[in-house]
Structures are given as structure tokens and as C-alpha cells.
Amino acid sequence: MFKPATLAPALAAALILAGCAEKSADIAPSYVSSSRYDTMNCRQLGAEAQTVSDRARSAIQAQDKKANNDAAAATVGMILFWPALFMIKGDGSQAAEVARLKGEREAIEAANRARNCGIVFKE
């Protein structure tokens, strides 16, 4: 049987951590149709892949920074100073942008495979 004295802190910690921003690796890609890339040749696909990869890299770095800041605020808030919990931002438009860019990358990869362009994607 759980005692209220032990259950309350565990429940509070779970609720606080649930409000934190996700790491970019945990964000699933949004669906993007590869038909958008049907009219592109391999050179154009390569250029688009580079553009999307650059934008994704920036968005991923921003999302991971946000997740780390939220985790730090949650830790400080739970241990030392509860008003720090108000600094937790959670997921928002940044996470949606990461998901969209991951989806675009998957669509470009599908178009690349369909045309045998040989574009190599790096993480």
C-alpha cells in the first residue's frame, strides 16, 4: 500500500517531467508526401535534401537545448526552488517544426530511392 507521504512527491515529479520538452530523438516525423518531389531531378533533390538537412539540424539543436533547459529547471524546481518550475516551457511549435522537417527528409529519401539518385543522408 502506498503512503500519501511517498506517493505525493512521486506524482508531482511525474507531472513536472511530463511537461518538459522532448529530446529531438524522441519526436516522430510528421507525414509528408513524396509526391511533392516527383518533378525534381536528382540534382534538385540533392539541393533540397541539403536545405532540409540544414534547417533540421538547426531545429534539432534548438529543441535539444529547450529540452535540456526544461530538465534543468525541473531539477532545480524539485530540489531547491519551486518557482523555477514556471520556467518549464514544454513542447510547442519548435517540436512541430522538428517533426515536419523529419517528415520532409523521409519524403526526400523516398524520392531518392525511387529515382536511384544515390544521395547519401547523414545524421
N, C-alpha and C. Protein backbone atom coordinates (compact mmCIF):
# COMPACT_ATOMS: atom_id res chain seq x y z
N MET A 1 0.84 -1.18 0.00
CA MET A 1 0.00 0.00 0.00
C MET A 1 0.88 1.24 0.00
N PHE A 2 0.53 2.18 -0.83
CA PHE A 2 1.28 3.43 -0.91
C PHE A 2 0.84 4.39 0.18
N LYS A 3 1.80 5.06 0.77
CA LYS A 3 1.50 6.08 1.77
C LYS A 3 1.43 7.42 1.05
N PRO A 4 0.53 8.31 1.47
CA PRO A 4 0.43 9.62 0.84
C PRO A 4 1.74 10.40 0.88
N ALA A 5 2.54 10.20 1.91
CA ALA A 5 3.80 10.94 2.04
C ALA A 5 4.80 10.54 0.95
N THR A 6 4.73 9.31 0.46
CA THR A 6 5.65 8.88 -0.59
C THR A 6 5.02 9.01 -1.98
N LEU A 7 3.71 8.92 -2.05
CA LEU A 7 3.03 8.99 -3.33
C LEU A 7 2.99 10.41 -3.88
N ALA A 8 2.78 11.38 -3.04
CA ALA A 8 2.67 12.77 -3.49
C ALA A 8 3.93 13.27 -4.18
N PRO A 9 5.13 13.09 -3.61
CA PRO A 9 6.33 13.56 -4.32
C PRO A 9 6.55 12.83 -5.65
N ALA A 10 6.26 11.54 -5.68
CA ALA A 10 6.44 10.78 -6.92
C ALA A 10 5.47 11.27 -7.99
N LEU A 11 4.24 11.53 -7.60
CA LEU A 11 3.24 12.03 -8.53
C LEU A 11 3.61 13.43 -9.03
N ALA A 12 4.08 14.27 -8.13
CA ALA A 12 4.50 15.62 -8.51
C ALA A 12 5.66 15.57 -9.49
N ALA A 13 6.63 14.71 -9.24
CA ALA A 13 7.78 14.58 -10.14
C ALA A 13 7.33 14.11 -11.52
N ALA A 14 6.42 13.15 -11.57
CA ALA A 14 5.93 12.64 -12.85
C ALA A 14 5.20 13.73 -13.63
N LEU A 15 4.39 14.52 -12.95
CA LEU A 15 3.66 15.61 -13.62
C LEU A 15 4.61 16.68 -14.14
N ILE A 16 5.63 17.00 -13.37
CA ILE A 16 6.60 18.01 -13.78
C ILE A 16 7.37 17.54 -15.00
N LEU A 17 7.84 16.30 -14.97
CA LEU A 17 8.62 15.78 -16.09
C LEU A 17 7.78 15.61 -17.35
N ALA A 18 6.49 15.37 -17.18
CA ALA A 18 5.60 15.23 -18.33
C ALA A 18 5.46 16.55 -19.08
N GLY A 19 5.67 17.66 -18.39
CA GLY A 19 5.56 18.97 -19.01
C GLY A 19 6.83 19.44 -19.69
N CYS A 20 7.89 18.68 -19.58
CA CYS A 20 9.18 19.07 -20.17
C CYS A 20 9.17 18.83 -21.68
N ALA A 21 9.97 19.62 -22.37
CA ALA A 21 10.12 19.44 -23.82
C ALA A 21 10.83 18.12 -24.10
N GLU A 22 10.45 17.47 -25.19
CA GLU A 22 11.06 16.20 -25.59
C GLU A 22 12.41 16.44 -26.27
N LYS A 23 13.29 15.48 -26.13
CA LYS A 23 14.53 15.49 -26.92
C LYS A 23 14.14 15.26 -28.38
N SER A 24 14.90 15.81 -29.29
CA SER A 24 14.57 15.69 -30.72
C SER A 24 14.53 14.23 -31.18
N ALA A 25 15.35 13.39 -30.60
CA ALA A 25 15.38 11.98 -30.99
C ALA A 25 14.06 11.27 -30.68
N ASP A 26 13.29 11.81 -29.73
CA ASP A 26 12.02 11.19 -29.34
C ASP A 26 10.83 11.73 -30.13
N ILE A 27 11.06 12.68 -31.01
CA ILE A 27 9.97 13.28 -31.79
C ILE A 27 9.83 12.50 -33.10
N ALA A 28 8.63 11.99 -33.32
CA ALA A 28 8.36 11.21 -34.54
C ALA A 28 8.17 12.15 -35.73
N PRO A 29 8.58 11.72 -36.91
CA PRO A 29 8.38 12.56 -38.09
C PRO A 29 6.90 12.68 -38.44
N SER A 30 6.51 13.84 -38.94
CA SER A 30 5.17 14.03 -39.48
C SER A 30 5.14 13.47 -40.89
N TYR A 31 3.96 13.06 -41.33
CA TYR A 31 3.85 12.54 -42.70
C TYR A 31 3.96 13.69 -43.70
N VAL A 32 4.82 13.53 -44.67
CA VAL A 32 4.94 14.44 -45.80
C VAL A 32 4.96 13.57 -47.05
N SER A 33 4.08 13.87 -48.00
CA SER A 33 4.01 13.07 -49.23
C SER A 33 5.25 13.29 -50.08
N SER A 34 5.76 12.22 -50.64
CA SER A 34 6.93 12.33 -51.53
C SER A 34 6.53 12.84 -52.91
N SER A 35 5.22 12.95 -53.18
CA SER A 35 4.77 13.44 -54.49
C SER A 35 5.22 14.88 -54.73
N ARG A 36 5.48 15.59 -53.67
CA ARG A 36 5.98 16.97 -53.77
C ARG A 36 7.31 17.00 -54.53
N TYR A 37 8.04 15.92 -54.48
CA TYR A 37 9.38 15.85 -55.08
C TYR A 37 9.39 15.08 -56.40
N ASP A 38 8.21 14.70 -56.91
CA ASP A 38 8.12 13.89 -58.13
C ASP A 38 8.70 14.58 -59.36
N THR A 39 8.61 15.88 -59.42
CA THR A 39 9.06 16.60 -60.61
C THR A 39 10.54 17.00 -60.54
N MET A 40 11.19 16.72 -59.43
CA MET A 40 12.59 17.11 -59.26
C MET A 40 13.52 16.04 -59.83
N ASN A 41 14.60 16.51 -60.45
CA ASN A 41 15.63 15.58 -60.89
C ASN A 41 16.59 15.33 -59.72
N CYS A 42 17.57 14.47 -59.92
CA CYS A 42 18.47 14.10 -58.83
C CYS A 42 19.26 15.29 -58.28
N ARG A 43 19.68 16.19 -59.16
CA ARG A 43 20.43 17.36 -58.71
C ARG A 43 19.55 18.25 -57.82
N GLN A 44 18.31 18.45 -58.25
CA GLN A 44 17.38 19.26 -57.46
C GLN A 44 17.06 18.59 -56.13
N LEU A 45 16.89 17.26 -56.16
CA LEU A 45 16.65 16.52 -54.92
C LEU A 45 17.82 16.67 -53.96
N GLY A 46 19.03 16.60 -54.49
CA GLY A 46 20.21 16.77 -53.65
C GLY A 46 20.26 18.13 -53.00
N ALA A 47 19.94 19.17 -53.77
CA ALA A 47 19.92 20.53 -53.23
C ALA A 47 18.83 20.68 -52.16
N GLU A 48 17.66 20.11 -52.43
CA GLU A 48 16.57 20.18 -51.46
C GLU A 48 16.92 19.39 -50.20
N ALA A 49 17.56 18.25 -50.37
CA ALA A 49 17.98 17.45 -49.22
C ALA A 49 18.95 18.24 -48.35
N GLN A 50 19.86 18.96 -48.97
CA GLN A 50 20.83 19.77 -48.22
C GLN A 50 20.12 20.89 -47.45
N THR A 51 19.17 21.56 -48.11
CA THR A 51 18.43 22.64 -47.46
C THR A 51 17.63 22.13 -46.27
N VAL A 52 16.91 21.03 -46.48
CA VAL A 52 16.10 20.46 -45.39
C VAL A 52 17.00 19.97 -44.26
N SER A 53 18.12 19.35 -44.59
CA SER A 53 19.04 18.86 -43.55
C SER A 53 19.60 20.01 -42.72
N ASP A 54 19.95 21.11 -43.38
CA ASP A 54 20.47 22.28 -42.65
C ASP A 54 19.42 22.86 -41.72
N ARG A 55 18.19 23.00 -42.22
CA ARG A 55 17.11 23.53 -41.38
C ARG A 55 16.79 22.57 -40.24
N ALA A 56 16.81 21.27 -40.53
CA ALA A 56 16.53 20.28 -39.49
C ALA A 56 17.61 20.30 -38.41
N ARG A 57 18.85 20.44 -38.81
CA ARG A 57 19.95 20.49 -37.85
C ARG A 57 19.76 21.66 -36.87
N SER A 58 19.40 22.82 -37.39
CA SER A 58 19.17 23.99 -36.54
C SER A 58 17.98 23.77 -35.61
N ALA A 59 16.89 23.22 -36.16
CA ALA A 59 15.69 22.98 -35.35
C ALA A 59 15.95 21.93 -34.28
N ILE A 60 16.72 20.91 -34.61
CA ILE A 60 17.04 19.85 -33.64
C ILE A 60 17.91 20.39 -32.52
N GLN A 61 18.88 21.23 -32.86
CA GLN A 61 19.73 21.83 -31.82
C GLN A 61 18.90 22.70 -30.89
N ALA A 62 17.98 23.49 -31.45
CA ALA A 62 17.13 24.34 -30.63
C ALA A 62 16.21 23.51 -29.73
N GLN A 63 15.65 22.42 -30.27
CA GLN A 63 14.76 21.56 -29.49
C GLN A 63 15.52 20.88 -28.36
N ASP A 64 16.72 20.38 -28.65
CA ASP A 64 17.51 19.72 -27.61
C ASP A 64 17.93 20.70 -26.52
N LYS A 65 18.23 21.93 -26.91
CA LYS A 65 18.58 22.95 -25.92
C LYS A 65 17.37 23.25 -25.02
N LYS A 66 16.20 23.34 -25.64
CA LYS A 66 14.96 23.57 -24.89
C LYS A 66 14.70 22.42 -23.93
N ALA A 67 14.88 21.19 -24.39
CA ALA A 67 14.67 20.01 -23.54
C ALA A 67 15.64 20.02 -22.37
N ASN A 68 16.90 20.35 -22.63
CA ASN A 68 17.89 20.40 -21.55
C ASN A 68 17.56 21.50 -20.55
N ASN A 69 17.12 22.67 -21.04
CA ASN A 69 16.75 23.76 -20.14
C ASN A 69 15.55 23.37 -19.27
N ASP A 70 14.56 22.70 -19.88
CA ASP A 70 13.40 22.25 -19.11
C ASP A 70 13.80 21.23 -18.05
N ALA A 71 14.69 20.31 -18.41
CA ALA A 71 15.14 19.30 -17.45
C ALA A 71 15.89 19.96 -16.29
N ALA A 72 16.71 20.96 -16.60
CA ALA A 72 17.44 21.67 -15.55
C ALA A 72 16.48 22.43 -14.65
N ALA A 73 15.49 23.10 -15.24
CA ALA A 73 14.51 23.84 -14.45
C ALA A 73 13.70 22.90 -13.57
N ALA A 74 13.35 21.73 -14.09
CA ALA A 74 12.60 20.75 -13.30
C ALA A 74 13.43 20.26 -12.13
N THR A 75 14.70 19.99 -12.37
CA THR A 75 15.58 19.52 -11.30
C THR A 75 15.74 20.58 -10.22
N VAL A 76 16.02 21.80 -10.63
CA VAL A 76 16.17 22.89 -9.66
C VAL A 76 14.86 23.11 -8.91
N GLY A 77 13.76 23.06 -9.64
CA GLY A 77 12.46 23.29 -9.02
C GLY A 77 12.08 22.23 -8.01
N MET A 78 12.39 20.99 -8.31
CA MET A 78 12.03 19.91 -7.38
C MET A 78 12.94 19.89 -6.17
N ILE A 79 14.20 20.28 -6.36
CA ILE A 79 15.16 20.16 -5.26
C ILE A 79 15.28 21.44 -4.45
N LEU A 80 15.40 22.58 -5.13
CA LEU A 80 15.75 23.80 -4.42
C LEU A 80 14.68 24.88 -4.39
N PHE A 81 14.12 25.18 -5.53
CA PHE A 81 13.35 26.42 -5.63
C PHE A 81 12.14 26.19 -6.52
N TRP A 82 10.97 25.93 -5.93
CA TRP A 82 9.80 25.55 -6.72
C TRP A 82 9.36 26.58 -7.76
N PRO A 83 9.59 27.92 -7.58
CA PRO A 83 9.20 28.84 -8.66
C PRO A 83 9.94 28.59 -9.98
N ALA A 84 11.06 27.88 -9.94
CA ALA A 84 11.77 27.55 -11.18
C ALA A 84 10.92 26.64 -12.07
N LEU A 85 9.93 25.98 -11.50
CA LEU A 85 9.06 25.10 -12.29
C LEU A 85 8.25 25.89 -13.32
N PHE A 86 8.06 27.19 -13.07
CA PHE A 86 7.33 28.01 -14.03
C PHE A 86 8.15 28.30 -15.29
N MET A 87 9.43 27.99 -15.25
CA MET A 87 10.31 28.20 -16.42
C MET A 87 10.20 27.05 -17.42
N ILE A 88 9.54 25.97 -17.06
CA ILE A 88 9.39 24.83 -17.95
C ILE A 88 8.43 25.20 -19.07
N LYS A 89 8.89 25.08 -20.30
CA LYS A 89 8.10 25.52 -21.45
C LYS A 89 7.34 24.37 -22.13
N GLY A 90 7.87 23.17 -22.08
CA GLY A 90 7.22 22.05 -22.74
C GLY A 90 7.40 22.10 -24.25
N ASP A 91 6.70 21.20 -24.95
CA ASP A 91 6.79 21.15 -26.41
C ASP A 91 5.84 22.18 -27.01
N GLY A 92 6.17 22.64 -28.16
CA GLY A 92 5.35 23.63 -28.84
C GLY A 92 5.67 23.64 -30.32
N SER A 93 5.73 24.84 -30.86
CA SER A 93 5.96 24.98 -32.30
C SER A 93 7.33 24.44 -32.71
N GLN A 94 8.30 24.51 -31.82
CA GLN A 94 9.64 24.00 -32.14
C GLN A 94 9.60 22.49 -32.39
N ALA A 95 8.88 21.77 -31.54
CA ALA A 95 8.76 20.31 -31.72
C ALA A 95 7.99 19.99 -33.00
N ALA A 96 6.98 20.78 -33.32
CA ALA A 96 6.23 20.57 -34.56
C ALA A 96 7.12 20.80 -35.77
N GLU A 97 8.00 21.79 -35.69
CA GLU A 97 8.93 22.06 -36.79
C GLU A 97 9.91 20.90 -36.97
N VAL A 98 10.40 20.36 -35.87
CA VAL A 98 11.31 19.20 -35.95
C VAL A 98 10.60 18.02 -36.61
N ALA A 99 9.36 17.76 -36.20
CA ALA A 99 8.59 16.65 -36.78
C ALA A 99 8.36 16.86 -38.27
N ARG A 100 8.03 18.09 -38.66
CA ARG A 100 7.78 18.39 -40.07
C ARG A 100 9.05 18.20 -40.91
N LEU A 101 10.17 18.71 -40.41
CA LEU A 101 11.43 18.58 -41.15
C LEU A 101 11.89 17.13 -41.24
N LYS A 102 11.66 16.34 -40.18
CA LYS A 102 11.96 14.91 -40.26
C LYS A 102 11.10 14.24 -41.32
N GLY A 103 9.83 14.65 -41.41
CA GLY A 103 8.93 14.10 -42.42
C GLY A 103 9.37 14.47 -43.83
N GLU A 104 9.81 15.73 -44.00
CA GLU A 104 10.31 16.15 -45.32
C GLU A 104 11.53 15.32 -45.71
N ARG A 105 12.39 15.09 -44.75
CA ARG A 105 13.59 14.30 -45.04
C ARG A 105 13.21 12.88 -45.48
N GLU A 106 12.25 12.27 -44.79
CA GLU A 106 11.80 10.93 -45.18
C GLU A 106 11.21 10.94 -46.59
N ALA A 107 10.46 11.99 -46.93
CA ALA A 107 9.86 12.08 -48.26
C ALA A 107 10.95 12.23 -49.33
N ILE A 108 11.97 13.02 -49.04
CA ILE A 108 13.09 13.18 -49.99
C ILE A 108 13.84 11.86 -50.13
N GLU A 109 14.02 11.15 -49.01
CA GLU A 109 14.69 9.84 -49.07
C GLU A 109 13.90 8.87 -49.94
N ALA A 110 12.56 8.91 -49.83
CA ALA A 110 11.72 8.02 -50.64
C ALA A 110 11.86 8.37 -52.13
N ALA A 111 11.85 9.65 -52.44
CA ALA A 111 12.02 10.08 -53.84
C ALA A 111 13.42 9.70 -54.34
N ASN A 112 14.41 9.82 -53.49
CA ASN A 112 15.79 9.43 -53.82
C ASN A 112 15.86 7.94 -54.17
N ARG A 113 15.22 7.11 -53.36
CA ARG A 113 15.23 5.66 -53.62
C ARG A 113 14.48 5.34 -54.92
N ALA A 114 13.35 6.02 -55.15
CA ALA A 114 12.55 5.75 -56.35
C ALA A 114 13.31 6.08 -57.63
N ARG A 115 14.17 7.09 -57.58
CA ARG A 115 14.92 7.51 -58.76
C ARG A 115 16.34 6.95 -58.81
N ASN A 116 16.74 6.24 -57.77
CA ASN A 116 18.12 5.73 -57.68
C ASN A 116 19.15 6.84 -57.84
N CYS A 117 18.92 7.94 -57.14
CA CYS A 117 19.83 9.10 -57.26
C CYS A 117 21.15 8.87 -56.53
N GLY A 118 21.15 8.03 -55.52
CA GLY A 118 22.38 7.76 -54.79
C GLY A 118 22.75 8.84 -53.79
N ILE A 119 21.79 9.66 -53.40
CA ILE A 119 22.06 10.70 -52.39
C ILE A 119 22.26 10.01 -51.05
N VAL A 120 23.34 10.35 -50.37
CA VAL A 120 23.64 9.77 -49.06
C VAL A 120 23.21 10.75 -47.98
N PHE A 121 22.37 10.29 -47.08
CA PHE A 121 21.89 11.13 -45.99
C PHE A 121 22.68 10.82 -44.73
N LYS A 122 23.14 11.86 -44.07
CA LYS A 122 23.89 11.70 -42.83
C LYS A 122 23.07 12.26 -41.68
N GLU A 123 23.24 11.66 -40.52
CA GLU A 123 22.54 12.13 -39.33
C GLU A 123 23.17 13.38 -38.80
